[in-house]
Amino acid sequence: MSRISLTVNGDAVTAEVAPRIHLADFLREDRLLTGTHLGCEHGVCGACTLLIDGAPARSCIAFAVACDGAEVRTIEGLDDDPLIVRLRAAFTAEHALQCGYCTPGMLVTARDIVQRLPDADEARIRLELAGNLCRCTGYAGIVRAIRRVLGEGVAVAEPEPARLPDLPPRPRAETLLAASAAAATFTPDFVQTVRIGQPIAAVWSAVGDIQGIVACVPGARLIELSGNRMRGEIRASLGPIEALFVGEGSVTFDAARRQAGITGTGRDGRTGTHLSAQVVARLCEANSASTDLLIEAAYALRGPLAQFARGRVIEEFAGAIMASFVANLEARLAGAPAPEYASLRAGTLLWRLLWRRLLALLRIG
């Protein structure tokens, strides 16, 4: 990991980043500035265009570590920029967008054209736009919008960078979570509570058996265990895609709080998708015969399978994992044999979610 310090939309930012993480991924995943869109990820389409030290640049091929000390401005940081305000109005008037995916990068490039080439004609505008691809508009409306702003002939003063509110950093699985401090530093993506029909002492004893717990997680398999460090894999079927994440993690226990913390990272070799996860599990006595298990989890998914990490989908996915885990754990505590190793089929979960939404639309009253 490398430590970088830069200015993002007027805010000083310091972070630990992997040497090969691109600026676009850092901005989207660590700073949650999702106005920077990723298209080709080869520096060709221009969807990820933003400003680095005042000049347009492709953030999908710029390493974050290479931007140490730089000033970065994304489309969010240009929200109150006078020239962007005029360009947005012109884009609307000239119907210069349809799906809108290329629009943030297109606006940044258009701003540069107006500032740098006040006398540009249509041919020069089209030449300057050659690095920003649009699959919807045919470019005619975009060219008209830029010519409209150029024709206004109003001098534009360089604005101060717009300041955005500080965003909480996303949890990093590379940092070992101390379970005793988790409540103060952990920001979960989802929280779920389930009831286990066993006394709290029995459940806590089972939680301390790492091999047994991993065996209860659908699709998970432990490869190696050394102290609190482990290597393993987890398999899931995402529609027609079979994903097998192989990685490693750490486990910590706080017996006084009956709390466990897990961090881990993994990679699916077939798609190149990277997964980082951080989980805190807490036990609370519901009554003498049952226990409430509170699960808080944060995750980061980068790569082709990240499209499945949407709010309701991931909630449905996590709910299915939890239901299967609890059933397996209760069976194990009752003396049943270990569950059979099998992948979790997320395709079924997606259909279930779509069906629920359809029923909600058809429900009267």
Protein backbone atom coordinates (compact mmCIF):
# COMPACT_ATOMS: atom_id res chain seq x y z
CA MET A 1 0.00 0.00 0.00
CA SER A 2 1.14 3.57 -0.72
CA ARG A 3 0.14 6.74 1.11
CA ILE A 4 -1.00 9.62 -1.09
CA SER A 5 -2.13 13.17 -0.42
CA LEU A 6 -4.07 15.14 -3.02
CA THR A 7 -6.84 17.69 -3.35
CA VAL A 8 -10.21 16.42 -4.57
CA ASN A 9 -12.83 19.06 -5.37
CA GLY A 10 -11.17 21.48 -2.96
CA ASP A 11 -10.80 19.01 -0.09
CA ALA A 12 -7.45 17.72 1.14
CA VAL A 13 -7.49 13.92 0.97
CA THR A 14 -4.96 11.47 2.41
CA ALA A 15 -5.37 7.75 1.84
CA GLU A 16 -3.62 4.40 1.63
CA VAL A 17 -4.00 2.95 -1.87
CA ALA A 18 -2.76 -0.07 -3.75
CA PRO A 19 0.01 0.91 -6.22
CA ARG A 20 -2.00 -0.23 -9.25
CA ILE A 21 -5.43 1.17 -8.37
CA HIS A 22 -6.62 3.66 -10.96
CA LEU A 23 -7.74 7.16 -10.06
CA ALA A 24 -11.28 6.45 -11.29
CA ASP A 25 -11.64 3.44 -8.99
CA PHE A 26 -10.22 5.40 -6.05
CA LEU A 27 -12.65 8.28 -6.61
CA ARG A 28 -15.69 6.04 -7.12
CA GLU A 29 -15.04 3.48 -4.38
CA ASP A 30 -13.16 5.42 -1.69
CA ARG A 31 -14.62 8.90 -2.17
CA LEU A 32 -18.02 7.76 -3.54
CA LEU A 33 -17.75 10.28 -6.41
CA THR A 34 -19.67 8.19 -8.91
CA GLY A 35 -20.18 11.00 -11.40
CA THR A 36 -16.92 9.83 -12.97
CA HIS A 37 -18.13 7.03 -15.24
CA LEU A 38 -16.14 4.01 -16.37
CA GLY A 39 -16.64 2.80 -19.93
CA CYS A 40 -13.83 1.13 -21.85
CA GLU A 41 -11.23 1.33 -19.02
CA HIS A 42 -8.57 1.67 -21.74
CA GLY A 43 -8.49 5.46 -22.08
CA VAL A 44 -10.43 5.37 -25.37
CA CYS A 45 -14.06 6.34 -24.73
CA GLY A 46 -13.56 9.45 -22.57
CA ALA A 47 -16.42 8.71 -20.15
CA CYS A 48 -14.03 8.99 -17.19
CA THR A 49 -12.60 12.40 -18.20
CA LEU A 50 -11.97 14.81 -15.32
CA LEU A 51 -9.49 17.57 -14.48
CA ILE A 52 -6.03 16.92 -13.05
CA ASP A 53 -4.24 20.18 -12.23
CA GLY A 54 -6.75 21.97 -14.45
CA ALA A 55 -6.25 19.81 -17.56
CA PRO A 56 -8.64 17.12 -18.88
CA ALA A 57 -7.32 13.61 -18.24
CA ARG A 58 -8.48 9.98 -18.45
CA SER A 59 -8.89 8.77 -14.88
CA CYS A 60 -9.25 5.11 -15.88
CA ILE A 61 -5.59 4.92 -16.97
CA ALA A 62 -4.13 7.32 -14.39
CA PHE A 63 -2.79 5.57 -11.30
CA ALA A 64 -3.89 7.14 -8.03
CA VAL A 65 -0.30 7.06 -6.74
CA ALA A 66 0.77 9.12 -9.76
CA CYS A 67 -1.64 11.86 -8.65
CA ASP A 68 0.07 12.38 -5.29
CA GLY A 69 0.12 16.14 -4.69
CA ALA A 70 -2.20 16.88 -7.61
CA GLU A 71 -5.48 18.83 -7.67
CA VAL A 72 -8.33 16.71 -9.01
CA ARG A 73 -11.75 18.01 -9.95
CA THR A 74 -14.58 15.68 -10.89
CA ILE A 75 -17.95 16.58 -12.38
CA GLU A 76 -19.32 16.91 -8.82
CA GLY A 77 -16.66 19.55 -8.07
CA LEU A 78 -17.76 21.51 -11.15
CA ASP A 79 -21.39 21.71 -10.08
CA ASP A 80 -21.26 25.50 -9.49
CA ASP A 81 -18.69 26.24 -12.18
CA PRO A 82 -20.13 29.15 -14.26
CA LEU A 83 -19.04 27.65 -17.57
CA ILE A 84 -20.39 24.20 -16.71
CA VAL A 85 -23.69 25.84 -15.70
CA ARG A 86 -23.92 27.44 -19.15
CA LEU A 87 -22.92 24.20 -20.88
CA ARG A 88 -25.53 22.21 -18.98
CA ALA A 89 -28.20 24.67 -20.08
CA ALA A 90 -26.98 24.48 -23.68
CA PHE A 91 -26.89 20.66 -23.59
CA THR A 92 -30.51 20.71 -22.43
CA ALA A 93 -31.63 23.23 -25.04
CA GLU A 94 -29.88 21.44 -27.92
CA HIS A 95 -30.86 17.89 -26.82
CA ALA A 96 -27.18 17.00 -26.47
CA LEU A 97 -27.68 13.88 -24.35
CA GLN A 98 -29.80 10.76 -24.34
CA CYS A 99 -28.66 7.99 -21.99
CA GLY A 100 -26.30 10.44 -20.26
CA TYR A 101 -23.48 7.97 -19.60
CA CYS A 102 -20.90 9.93 -21.61
CA THR A 103 -22.21 13.32 -20.43
CA PRO A 104 -19.91 13.99 -17.41
CA GLY A 105 -16.79 13.42 -19.49
CA MET A 106 -18.32 15.23 -22.45
CA LEU A 107 -19.03 18.31 -20.30
CA VAL A 108 -15.46 18.38 -18.98
CA THR A 109 -14.11 18.22 -22.54
CA ALA A 110 -16.61 20.83 -23.74
CA ARG A 111 -15.50 23.16 -20.95
CA ASP A 112 -11.89 22.78 -22.07
CA ILE A 113 -12.83 23.51 -25.69
CA VAL A 114 -14.67 26.72 -24.79
CA GLN A 115 -11.87 27.95 -22.54
CA ARG A 116 -8.98 27.02 -24.82
CA LEU A 117 -10.47 27.59 -28.28
CA PRO A 118 -12.86 30.56 -28.20
CA ASP A 119 -12.83 30.82 -32.01
CA ALA A 120 -13.31 27.10 -32.76
CA ASP A 121 -15.53 26.29 -35.73
CA GLU A 122 -17.63 23.14 -36.13
CA ALA A 123 -14.80 21.15 -37.73
CA ARG A 124 -12.42 21.97 -34.88
CA ILE A 125 -15.06 21.16 -32.25
CA ARG A 126 -15.64 17.76 -33.82
CA LEU A 127 -11.90 17.15 -33.91
CA GLU A 128 -11.58 18.03 -30.21
CA LEU A 129 -14.49 15.72 -29.36
CA ALA A 130 -12.87 12.75 -31.11
CA GLY A 131 -11.66 11.39 -27.76
CA ASN A 132 -15.16 11.34 -26.24
CA LEU A 133 -17.42 8.64 -27.64
CA CYS A 134 -21.20 8.90 -27.62
CA ARG A 135 -23.37 6.03 -28.86
CA CYS A 136 -26.70 7.87 -28.70
CA THR A 137 -26.77 11.40 -30.05
CA GLY A 138 -24.78 11.39 -33.27
CA TYR A 139 -22.88 14.37 -31.78
CA ALA A 140 -24.98 16.97 -33.65
CA GLY A 141 -26.65 18.27 -30.49
CA ILE A 142 -23.37 18.27 -28.58
CA VAL A 143 -21.66 20.31 -31.28
CA ARG A 144 -24.58 22.76 -31.38
CA ALA A 145 -24.47 23.15 -27.59
CA ILE A 146 -20.76 23.98 -27.61
CA ARG A 147 -21.20 26.41 -30.50
CA ARG A 148 -24.07 28.07 -28.62
CA VAL A 149 -21.84 28.72 -25.59
CA LEU A 150 -18.96 29.88 -27.80
CA GLY A 151 -21.36 32.26 -29.55
CA GLU A 152 -22.36 33.88 -26.30
CA GLY A 153 -18.91 35.44 -26.10
CA VAL A 154 -19.02 35.94 -22.32
CA ALA A 155 -15.73 35.87 -20.46
CA VAL A 156 -15.63 33.12 -17.85
CA ALA A 157 -13.63 33.59 -14.67
CA GLU A 158 -11.89 30.55 -13.25
CA PRO A 159 -13.95 29.60 -10.16
CA GLU A 160 -12.71 28.41 -6.84
CA PRO A 161 -13.07 24.62 -6.54
CA ALA A 162 -16.45 23.67 -5.12
CA ARG A 163 -16.20 22.10 -1.69
CA LEU A 164 -18.06 18.89 -1.03
CA PRO A 165 -18.88 17.46 2.41
CA ASP A 166 -16.41 14.95 3.77
CA LEU A 167 -17.39 11.36 3.08
CA PRO A 168 -16.72 8.53 5.51
CA PRO A 169 -13.94 6.25 4.25
CA ARG A 170 -15.07 2.82 3.11
CA PRO A 171 -13.80 0.03 5.35
CA ARG A 172 -10.68 -1.71 4.05
CA ALA A 173 -10.39 -5.45 4.46
CA GLU A 174 -6.60 -5.15 4.45
CA THR A 175 -6.78 -3.48 7.88
CA LEU A 176 -7.34 -6.06 10.61
CA LEU A 177 -10.45 -5.20 12.55
CA ALA A 178 -9.97 -5.34 16.31
CA ALA A 179 -13.33 -6.61 17.50
CA SER A 180 -13.21 -4.57 20.69
CA ALA A 181 -12.91 -1.33 18.69
CA ALA A 182 -15.23 -2.28 15.87
CA ALA A 183 -18.28 -0.41 17.16
CA ALA A 184 -16.42 2.92 16.99
CA THR A 185 -14.82 2.56 13.54
CA PHE A 186 -16.97 0.18 11.50
CA THR A 187 -19.39 1.49 8.84
CA PRO A 188 -21.45 -1.48 7.59
CA ASP A 189 -23.13 -1.73 4.19
CA PHE A 190 -25.88 -3.89 5.66
CA VAL A 191 -27.00 -5.17 9.05
CA GLN A 192 -29.05 -8.26 9.79
CA THR A 193 -30.25 -9.99 12.96
CA VAL A 194 -31.34 -13.63 13.13
CA ARG A 195 -32.44 -15.85 16.01
CA ILE A 196 -30.76 -19.19 16.64
CA GLY A 197 -32.65 -21.78 18.68
CA GLN A 198 -29.72 -22.61 20.95
CA PRO A 199 -28.42 -21.16 24.26
CA ILE A 200 -25.83 -18.40 23.94
CA ALA A 201 -23.05 -20.46 25.54
CA ALA A 202 -23.46 -23.22 22.96
CA VAL A 203 -23.54 -20.75 20.06
CA TRP A 204 -20.43 -18.90 21.32
CA SER A 205 -18.59 -22.20 21.65
CA ALA A 206 -19.49 -23.02 18.03
CA VAL A 207 -18.39 -19.58 16.84
CA GLY A 208 -14.92 -20.26 18.25
CA ASP A 209 -14.57 -23.32 15.99
CA ILE A 210 -13.43 -21.63 12.76
CA GLN A 211 -13.48 -24.81 10.70
CA GLY A 212 -17.01 -25.62 11.81
CA ILE A 213 -18.27 -22.10 11.16
CA VAL A 214 -16.78 -21.98 7.65
CA ALA A 215 -18.44 -25.31 6.90
CA CYS A 216 -21.82 -23.72 7.70
CA VAL A 217 -21.38 -20.91 5.15
CA PRO A 218 -22.88 -21.96 1.80
CA GLY A 219 -20.24 -22.26 -0.89
CA ALA A 220 -17.31 -21.71 1.52
CA ARG A 221 -14.39 -24.07 2.03
CA LEU A 222 -11.39 -23.71 4.34
CA ILE A 223 -8.05 -24.51 2.67
CA GLU A 224 -5.58 -23.61 5.42
CA LEU A 225 -5.78 -22.37 9.01
CA SER A 226 -2.84 -21.00 11.02
CA GLY A 227 -3.74 -19.29 14.29
CA ASN A 228 -6.18 -16.55 13.41
CA ARG A 229 -5.11 -16.48 9.74
CA MET A 230 -6.92 -18.55 7.15
CA ARG A 231 -7.00 -19.25 3.42
CA GLY A 232 -10.11 -20.43 1.70
CA GLU A 233 -12.55 -20.14 -1.16
CA ILE A 234 -16.20 -19.32 -1.70
CA ARG A 235 -18.20 -20.33 -4.74
CA ALA A 236 -21.37 -18.70 -6.07
CA SER A 237 -23.40 -19.10 -9.26
CA LEU A 238 -24.42 -15.66 -10.57
CA GLY A 239 -26.91 -16.55 -13.28
CA PRO A 240 -24.82 -18.20 -16.04
CA ILE A 241 -21.56 -17.17 -14.34
CA GLU A 242 -19.80 -19.49 -11.92
CA ALA A 243 -17.56 -17.45 -9.61
CA LEU A 244 -14.90 -18.94 -7.35
CA PHE A 245 -13.25 -16.42 -5.03
CA VAL A 246 -9.97 -17.62 -3.53
CA GLY A 247 -8.30 -15.52 -0.85
CA GLU A 248 -7.27 -15.12 2.76
CA GLY A 249 -8.46 -13.43 5.92
CA SER A 250 -8.10 -12.92 9.66
CA VAL A 251 -10.38 -13.64 12.62
CA THR A 252 -10.44 -11.96 16.04
CA PHE A 253 -12.49 -12.84 19.12
CA ASP A 254 -13.69 -10.79 22.09
CA ALA A 255 -15.01 -13.26 24.66
CA ALA A 256 -16.16 -10.52 27.04
CA ARG A 257 -18.50 -9.10 24.41
CA ARG A 258 -19.14 -12.42 22.69
CA GLN A 259 -18.10 -10.76 19.47
CA ALA A 260 -16.03 -11.89 16.48
CA GLY A 261 -14.47 -9.86 13.67
CA ILE A 262 -13.50 -11.19 10.23
CA THR A 263 -11.66 -9.45 7.39
CA GLY A 264 -10.81 -11.00 4.06
CA THR A 265 -9.92 -10.42 0.43
CA GLY A 266 -10.38 -12.70 -2.56
CA ARG A 267 -10.24 -12.83 -6.33
CA ASP A 268 -12.22 -14.74 -8.92
CA GLY A 269 -9.65 -16.03 -11.41
CA ARG A 270 -12.10 -16.39 -14.28
CA THR A 271 -13.49 -12.84 -14.32
CA GLY A 272 -10.72 -11.01 -12.44
CA THR A 273 -13.26 -9.62 -9.96
CA HIS A 274 -11.79 -8.59 -6.58
CA LEU A 275 -13.78 -8.90 -3.36
CA SER A 276 -12.95 -7.32 0.01
CA ALA A 277 -15.18 -7.91 3.01
CA GLN A 278 -15.30 -7.04 6.68
CA VAL A 279 -17.78 -8.65 9.08
CA VAL A 280 -18.60 -8.20 12.77
CA ALA A 281 -20.76 -10.82 14.50
CA ARG A 282 -22.24 -10.24 17.97
CA LEU A 283 -24.24 -12.62 20.15
CA CYS A 284 -27.01 -11.47 22.49
CA GLU A 285 -29.06 -13.71 24.75
CA ALA A 286 -32.70 -13.66 23.65
CA ASN A 287 -33.77 -16.08 26.38
CA SER A 288 -32.38 -19.15 28.08
CA ALA A 289 -33.01 -21.30 25.00
CA SER A 290 -32.23 -18.98 22.09
CA THR A 291 -29.65 -16.45 20.90
CA ASP A 292 -29.81 -13.38 18.66
CA LEU A 293 -26.98 -13.14 16.15
CA LEU A 294 -26.27 -9.62 14.84
CA ILE A 295 -24.25 -9.49 11.62
CA GLU A 296 -22.76 -6.21 10.30
CA ALA A 297 -20.87 -6.39 7.03
CA ALA A 298 -19.05 -4.05 4.66
CA TYR A 299 -17.79 -5.09 1.25
CA ALA A 300 -16.11 -3.78 -1.90
CA LEU A 301 -16.49 -5.51 -5.25
CA ARG A 302 -14.39 -4.42 -8.24
CA GLY A 303 -14.56 -5.93 -11.69
CA PRO A 304 -17.13 -7.50 -14.03
CA LEU A 305 -19.25 -8.99 -11.23
CA ALA A 306 -19.65 -5.63 -9.46
CA GLN A 307 -22.90 -5.17 -11.40
CA PHE A 308 -24.49 -7.66 -8.98
CA ALA A 309 -23.57 -5.53 -5.94
CA ARG A 310 -26.70 -3.38 -6.06
CA GLY A 311 -28.66 -2.51 -2.91
CA ARG A 312 -31.71 -4.81 -3.07
CA VAL A 313 -29.79 -7.58 -4.87
CA ILE A 314 -27.02 -7.69 -2.27
CA GLU A 315 -29.62 -7.58 0.53
CA GLU A 316 -31.41 -10.57 -0.99
CA PHE A 317 -28.11 -12.36 -1.49
CA ALA A 318 -26.99 -11.69 2.10
CA GLY A 319 -30.38 -12.76 3.44
CA ALA A 320 -30.17 -16.09 1.63
CA ILE A 321 -26.64 -16.67 2.92
CA MET A 322 -27.73 -15.88 6.47
CA ALA A 323 -30.78 -18.16 6.29
CA SER A 324 -28.69 -21.04 4.99
CA PHE A 325 -25.91 -20.36 7.53
CA VAL A 326 -28.32 -20.35 10.49
CA ALA A 327 -30.00 -23.56 9.31
CA ASN A 328 -26.60 -25.26 8.94
CA LEU A 329 -25.40 -23.97 12.32
CA GLU A 330 -28.52 -25.13 14.15
CA ALA A 331 -28.21 -28.54 12.50
CA ARG A 332 -24.56 -28.75 13.54
CA LEU A 333 -25.37 -27.78 17.15
CA ALA A 334 -28.03 -30.49 17.14
CA GLY A 335 -25.43 -33.08 16.15
CA ALA A 336 -26.25 -33.38 12.44
CA PRO A 337 -23.41 -34.07 9.95
CA ALA A 338 -21.59 -31.19 8.27
CA PRO A 339 -23.51 -29.68 5.33
CA GLU A 340 -22.49 -30.62 1.81
CA TYR A 341 -20.21 -28.16 0.05
CA ALA A 342 -22.20 -26.38 -2.66
CA SER A 343 -22.31 -23.01 -4.35
CA LEU A 344 -25.01 -20.44 -3.65
CA ARG A 345 -27.08 -19.78 -6.76
CA ALA A 346 -27.64 -16.03 -7.00
CA GLY A 347 -29.58 -16.37 -10.25
CA THR A 348 -32.50 -17.82 -8.26
CA LEU A 349 -32.26 -14.86 -5.88
CA LEU A 350 -32.51 -12.37 -8.74
CA TRP A 351 -35.68 -14.02 -10.03
CA ARG A 352 -37.10 -14.01 -6.50
CA LEU A 353 -36.40 -10.27 -6.19
CA LEU A 354 -38.03 -9.50 -9.56
CA TRP A 355 -41.06 -11.57 -8.61
CA ARG A 356 -41.48 -9.69 -5.32
CA ARG A 357 -41.29 -6.35 -7.13
CA LEU A 358 -43.93 -7.51 -9.64
CA LEU A 359 -46.26 -8.57 -6.81
CA ALA A 360 -45.72 -5.20 -5.11
CA LEU A 361 -46.70 -3.38 -8.34
CA LEU A 362 -49.84 -5.50 -8.74
CA ARG A 363 -50.89 -5.16 -5.09
CA ILE A 364 -53.95 -2.98 -4.62
CA GLY A 365 -54.17 -0.61 -1.66
